Amino acid sequence: MQTLTSLADLVTTHGVPVDDHHDLNALVPVTDRLQFQGDVAVIPAGPAVQATGSGYPTPVPAQGVAVVRGENGGNTHLLLDGRAPGADPVTWDPSRGGDTGLDLGVVTVPGGAVAYLAHPEHAYSGIAPGRYVIRRQREQADVIRLVAD
C-alpha cells in the first residue's frame, strides 16, 4: 500500500519547487492508471500500448531525468525516483524515436517503489509500481505539432 506524501515533503526531498498557487499541504496521489501532467501522458504499458524504449534501461539518478526539457521559458518535466532505502531503483529507457516522436520512453517502477513526475506549474504526480510509456501530446492545427506546455 502506498503512503501519500505531502507536496511540501516532495519539494524538500527532490528540490523541484512548485508555483505559489499550489497547496504545499496537499497530499500527492500515487496511481497505476493513465495520468496527464500538462503536455505529458503516463500510460500503463500493455497489449494495447507497446513499450517503445531502446531496450537499455538505466536507473533514474538522484537529480532525475528530464523527460521533456523546458524551452523558451518553459519548465522541464522531471522524472524522479521516490523509492524507499533498499528498494530496487526506478528505471528509464528512452524511446528509440528520440525527441522527435511522441513516445519519450518507458519508466519501470519496481514493487515497493514510487516514481514522481515533477513540474513547477503542475506540481508532482505519483507513479505506482508498474511499467509505463511516457508520451507527449500533440495538437491538430494547420499542421500537427507537439503541445507546448
C-alpha atoms as a PDB file:
ATOM      1  CA  MET A   1       0.000   0.000   0.000  1.00  0.00           C
ATOM      2  CA  GLN A   2       1.367   3.416  -0.993  1.00  0.00           C
ATOM      3  CA  THR A   3       1.678   6.123   1.627  1.00  0.00           C
ATOM      4  CA  LEU A   4       0.623   9.560   0.429  1.00  0.00           C
ATOM      5  CA  THR A   5       3.259  12.259   0.749  1.00  0.00           C
ATOM      6  CA  SER A   6       2.671  15.979   1.059  1.00  0.00           C
ATOM      7  CA  LEU A   7       3.720  18.294  -1.720  1.00  0.00           C
ATOM      8  CA  ALA A   8       5.936  20.161   0.757  1.00  0.00           C
ATOM      9  CA  ASP A   9       7.794  16.951   1.636  1.00  0.00           C
ATOM     10  CA  LEU A  10       8.372  16.136  -2.038  1.00  0.00           C
ATOM     11  CA  VAL A  11       9.679  19.644  -2.765  1.00  0.00           C
ATOM     12  CA  THR A  12      12.055  19.329   0.199  1.00  0.00           C
ATOM     13  CA  THR A  13      13.195  15.825  -0.752  1.00  0.00           C
ATOM     14  CA  HIS A  14      13.630  16.334  -4.503  1.00  0.00           C
ATOM     15  CA  GLY A  15      14.309  20.065  -4.716  1.00  0.00           C
ATOM     16  CA  VAL A  16      11.893  20.844  -7.548  1.00  0.00           C
ATOM     17  CA  PRO A  17       9.916  23.907  -6.441  1.00  0.00           C
ATOM     18  CA  VAL A  18       6.290  24.423  -7.455  1.00  0.00           C
ATOM     19  CA  ASP A  19       4.414  27.609  -8.284  1.00  0.00           C
ATOM     20  CA  ASP A  20       2.835  29.553  -5.432  1.00  0.00           C
ATOM     21  CA  HIS A  21      -0.748  28.636  -6.349  1.00  0.00           C
ATOM     22  CA  HIS A  22      -0.168  25.030  -5.191  1.00  0.00           C
ATOM     23  CA  ASP A  23      -1.158  23.985  -1.668  1.00  0.00           C
ATOM     24  CA  LEU A  24       2.023  22.596  -0.121  1.00  0.00           C
ATOM     25  CA  ASN A  25      -0.072  20.689   2.429  1.00  0.00           C
ATOM     26  CA  ALA A  26      -1.860  18.745  -0.313  1.00  0.00           C
ATOM     27  CA  LEU A  27      -1.206  15.017  -0.460  1.00  0.00           C
ATOM     28  CA  VAL A  28       0.132  13.724  -3.771  1.00  0.00           C
ATOM     29  CA  PRO A  29      -1.755  10.673  -5.055  1.00  0.00           C
ATOM     30  CA  VAL A  30       0.133   7.693  -6.459  1.00  0.00           C
ATOM     31  CA  THR A  31      -1.672   5.795  -9.216  1.00  0.00           C
ATOM     32  CA  ASP A  32      -1.115   2.981 -11.695  1.00  0.00           C
ATOM     33  CA  ARG A  33      -3.678   4.407 -14.125  1.00  0.00           C
ATOM     34  CA  LEU A  34      -3.489   6.783 -17.060  1.00  0.00           C
ATOM     35  CA  GLN A  35      -2.481  10.270 -15.954  1.00  0.00           C
ATOM     36  CA  PHE A  36      -1.552  13.549 -17.571  1.00  0.00           C
ATOM     37  CA  GLN A  37       0.752  16.321 -16.467  1.00  0.00           C
ATOM     38  CA  GLY A  38       0.456  19.243 -18.858  1.00  0.00           C
ATOM     39  CA  ASP A  39       1.678  18.042 -22.252  1.00  0.00           C
ATOM     40  CA  VAL A  40       2.925  14.670 -20.942  1.00  0.00           C
ATOM     41  CA  ALA A  41       0.928  11.448 -20.525  1.00  0.00           C
ATOM     42  CA  VAL A  42       1.859   8.487 -18.309  1.00  0.00           C
ATOM     43  CA  ILE A  43       0.265   5.428 -19.922  1.00  0.00           C
ATOM     44  CA  PRO A  44       0.323   1.924 -18.414  1.00  0.00           C
ATOM     45  CA  ALA A  45       2.154  -0.351 -20.874  1.00  0.00           C
ATOM     46  CA  GLY A  46       0.380  -3.485 -22.004  1.00  0.00           C
ATOM     47  CA  PRO A  47      -1.095  -5.195 -25.064  1.00  0.00           C
ATOM     48  CA  ALA A  48      -2.784  -2.005 -26.290  1.00  0.00           C
ATOM     49  CA  VAL A  49       0.191   0.275 -25.583  1.00  0.00           C
ATOM     50  CA  GLN A  50       3.554  -1.149 -26.549  1.00  0.00           C
ATOM     51  CA  ALA A  51       6.650  -0.056 -24.661  1.00  0.00           C
ATOM     52  CA  THR A  52       8.968   1.687 -27.127  1.00  0.00           C
ATOM     53  CA  GLY A  53      12.203   2.026 -25.212  1.00  0.00           C
ATOM     54  CA  SER A  54      15.678   1.418 -26.559  1.00  0.00           C
ATOM     55  CA  GLY A  55      15.991  -1.844 -24.624  1.00  0.00           C
ATOM     56  CA  TYR A  56      18.686  -0.391 -22.380  1.00  0.00           C
ATOM     57  CA  PRO A  57      17.006   0.924 -19.221  1.00  0.00           C
ATOM     58  CA  THR A  58      19.139   2.738 -16.653  1.00  0.00           C
ATOM     59  CA  PRO A  59      18.408   3.691 -13.048  1.00  0.00           C
ATOM     60  CA  VAL A  60      16.943   7.174 -12.592  1.00  0.00           C
ATOM     61  CA  PRO A  61      19.715   9.235 -10.932  1.00  0.00           C
ATOM     62  CA  ALA A  62      19.142  11.291  -7.769  1.00  0.00           C
ATOM     63  CA  GLN A  63      18.872  14.502  -9.813  1.00  0.00           C
ATOM     64  CA  GLY A  64      16.179  12.922 -12.008  1.00  0.00           C
ATOM     65  CA  VAL A  65      15.747  12.589 -15.758  1.00  0.00           C
ATOM     66  CA  ALA A  66      14.349  15.403 -17.894  1.00  0.00           C
ATOM     67  CA  VAL A  67      11.715  13.593 -19.979  1.00  0.00           C
ATOM     68  CA  VAL A  68      10.750  16.925 -21.600  1.00  0.00           C
ATOM     69  CA  ARG A  69      13.134  19.850 -21.330  1.00  0.00           C
ATOM     70  CA  GLY A  70      11.653  23.314 -20.855  1.00  0.00           C
ATOM     71  CA  GLU A  71      12.229  25.511 -23.873  1.00  0.00           C
ATOM     72  CA  ASN A  72      11.617  29.216 -24.471  1.00  0.00           C
ATOM     73  CA  GLY A  73      10.981  29.901 -20.779  1.00  0.00           C
ATOM     74  CA  GLY A  74       9.011  26.694 -20.222  1.00  0.00           C
ATOM     75  CA  ASN A  75       9.616  24.244 -17.410  1.00  0.00           C
ATOM     76  CA  THR A  76      11.084  20.773 -17.527  1.00  0.00           C
ATOM     77  CA  HIS A  77       9.070  17.631 -16.721  1.00  0.00           C
ATOM     78  CA  LEU A  78      11.449  15.766 -14.425  1.00  0.00           C
ATOM     79  CA  LEU A  79      11.172  12.039 -13.639  1.00  0.00           C
ATOM     80  CA  LEU A  80      12.278  11.265 -10.079  1.00  0.00           C
ATOM     81  CA  ASP A  81      12.960   8.066  -8.150  1.00  0.00           C
ATOM     82  CA  GLY A  82      10.989   8.139  -4.906  1.00  0.00           C
ATOM     83  CA  ARG A  83      11.884   4.660  -3.664  1.00  0.00           C
ATOM     84  CA  ALA A  84      12.489   3.786  -0.071  1.00  0.00           C
ATOM     85  CA  PRO A  85      16.037   2.918   1.004  1.00  0.00           C
ATOM     86  CA  GLY A  86      16.945  -0.625  -0.038  1.00  0.00           C
ATOM     87  CA  ALA A  87      14.284  -0.849  -2.748  1.00  0.00           C
ATOM     88  CA  ASP A  88      15.176  -1.550  -6.370  1.00  0.00           C
ATOM     89  CA  PRO A  89      15.642   1.602  -8.467  1.00  0.00           C
ATOM     90  CA  VAL A  90      13.135   3.159 -10.811  1.00  0.00           C
ATOM     91  CA  THR A  91      14.480   2.822 -14.383  1.00  0.00           C
ATOM     92  CA  TRP A  92      14.182   4.982 -17.502  1.00  0.00           C
ATOM     93  CA  ASP A  93      14.532   3.666 -21.047  1.00  0.00           C
ATOM     94  CA  PRO A  94      14.440   6.487 -23.635  1.00  0.00           C
ATOM     95  CA  SER A  95      12.464   5.895 -26.802  1.00  0.00           C
ATOM     96  CA  ARG A  96      14.159   4.691 -29.946  1.00  0.00           C
ATOM     97  CA  GLY A  97      12.465   7.588 -31.751  1.00  0.00           C
ATOM     98  CA  GLY A  98      14.489  10.236 -29.928  1.00  0.00           C
ATOM     99  CA  ASP A  99      12.980  13.631 -29.211  1.00  0.00           C
ATOM    100  CA  THR A 100      11.029  13.832 -32.468  1.00  0.00           C
ATOM    101  CA  GLY A 101       8.390  11.171 -31.773  1.00  0.00           C
ATOM    102  CA  LEU A 102       5.507  11.212 -29.336  1.00  0.00           C
ATOM    103  CA  ASP A 103       6.845   8.360 -27.198  1.00  0.00           C
ATOM    104  CA  LEU A 104       9.582   9.697 -24.938  1.00  0.00           C
ATOM    105  CA  GLY A 105      10.460   6.431 -23.226  1.00  0.00           C
ATOM    106  CA  VAL A 106       9.493   3.793 -20.713  1.00  0.00           C
ATOM    107  CA  VAL A 107       9.609   4.104 -16.937  1.00  0.00           C
ATOM    108  CA  THR A 108       9.595   0.949 -14.811  1.00  0.00           C
ATOM    109  CA  VAL A 109       8.692   1.303 -11.147  1.00  0.00           C
ATOM    110  CA  PRO A 110       9.521  -1.857  -9.149  1.00  0.00           C
ATOM    111  CA  GLY A 111       7.378  -3.184  -6.319  1.00  0.00           C
ATOM    112  CA  GLY A 112       7.860  -1.203  -3.131  1.00  0.00           C
ATOM    113  CA  ALA A 113       8.918   1.915  -5.041  1.00  0.00           C
ATOM    114  CA  VAL A 114       7.244   5.010  -6.428  1.00  0.00           C
ATOM    115  CA  ALA A 115       8.281   7.455  -9.135  1.00  0.00           C
ATOM    116  CA  TYR A 116       7.299  11.093  -9.428  1.00  0.00           C
ATOM    117  CA  LEU A 117       6.925  13.404 -12.368  1.00  0.00           C
ATOM    118  CA  ALA A 118       7.695  16.949 -11.209  1.00  0.00           C
ATOM    119  CA  HIS A 119       6.932  20.269 -12.901  1.00  0.00           C
ATOM    120  CA  PRO A 120       6.714  23.731 -11.286  1.00  0.00           C
ATOM    121  CA  GLU A 121       3.333  24.607 -12.841  1.00  0.00           C
ATOM    122  CA  HIS A 122       1.738  21.153 -12.420  1.00  0.00           C
ATOM    123  CA  ALA A 123       3.398  20.104  -9.128  1.00  0.00           C
ATOM    124  CA  TYR A 124       4.101  16.367  -8.639  1.00  0.00           C
ATOM    125  CA  SER A 125       2.345  13.255  -9.976  1.00  0.00           C
ATOM    126  CA  GLY A 126       2.920   9.892  -8.276  1.00  0.00           C
ATOM    127  CA  ILE A 127       3.512   6.775 -10.382  1.00  0.00           C
ATOM    128  CA  ALA A 128       2.828   3.392  -8.714  1.00  0.00           C
ATOM    129  CA  PRO A 129       4.764   0.173  -9.370  1.00  0.00           C
ATOM    130  CA  GLY A 130       4.418  -0.979 -12.979  1.00  0.00           C
ATOM    131  CA  ARG A 131       5.670  -0.248 -16.477  1.00  0.00           C
ATOM    132  CA  TYR A 132       4.575   2.904 -18.301  1.00  0.00           C
ATOM    133  CA  VAL A 133       5.070   4.690 -21.606  1.00  0.00           C
ATOM    134  CA  ILE A 134       5.735   8.401 -21.203  1.00  0.00           C
ATOM    135  CA  ARG A 135       4.266  10.175 -24.220  1.00  0.00           C
ATOM    136  CA  ARG A 136       3.967  13.750 -25.475  1.00  0.00           C
ATOM    137  CA  GLN A 137       0.620  15.064 -26.609  1.00  0.00           C
ATOM    138  CA  ARG A 138       0.142  16.627 -29.997  1.00  0.00           C
ATOM    139  CA  GLU A 139      -2.440  19.031 -31.275  1.00  0.00           C
ATOM    140  CA  GLN A 140      -4.078  19.375 -34.652  1.00  0.00           C
ATOM    141  CA  ALA A 141      -3.934  22.873 -36.087  1.00  0.00           C
ATOM    142  CA  ASP A 142      -2.953  23.871 -39.602  1.00  0.00           C
ATOM    143  CA  VAL A 143      -0.070  21.482 -39.006  1.00  0.00           C
ATOM    144  CA  ILE A 144       0.200  18.630 -36.493  1.00  0.00           C
ATOM    145  CA  ARG A 145       2.501  19.785 -33.716  1.00  0.00           C
ATOM    146  CA  LEU A 146       3.523  18.840 -30.177  1.00  0.00           C
ATOM    147  CA  VAL A 147       1.591  20.524 -27.393  1.00  0.00           C
ATOM    148  CA  ALA A 148       3.690  23.287 -25.849  1.00  0.00           C
ATOM    149  CA  ASP A 149       3.405  23.365 -22.089  1.00  0.00           C
END
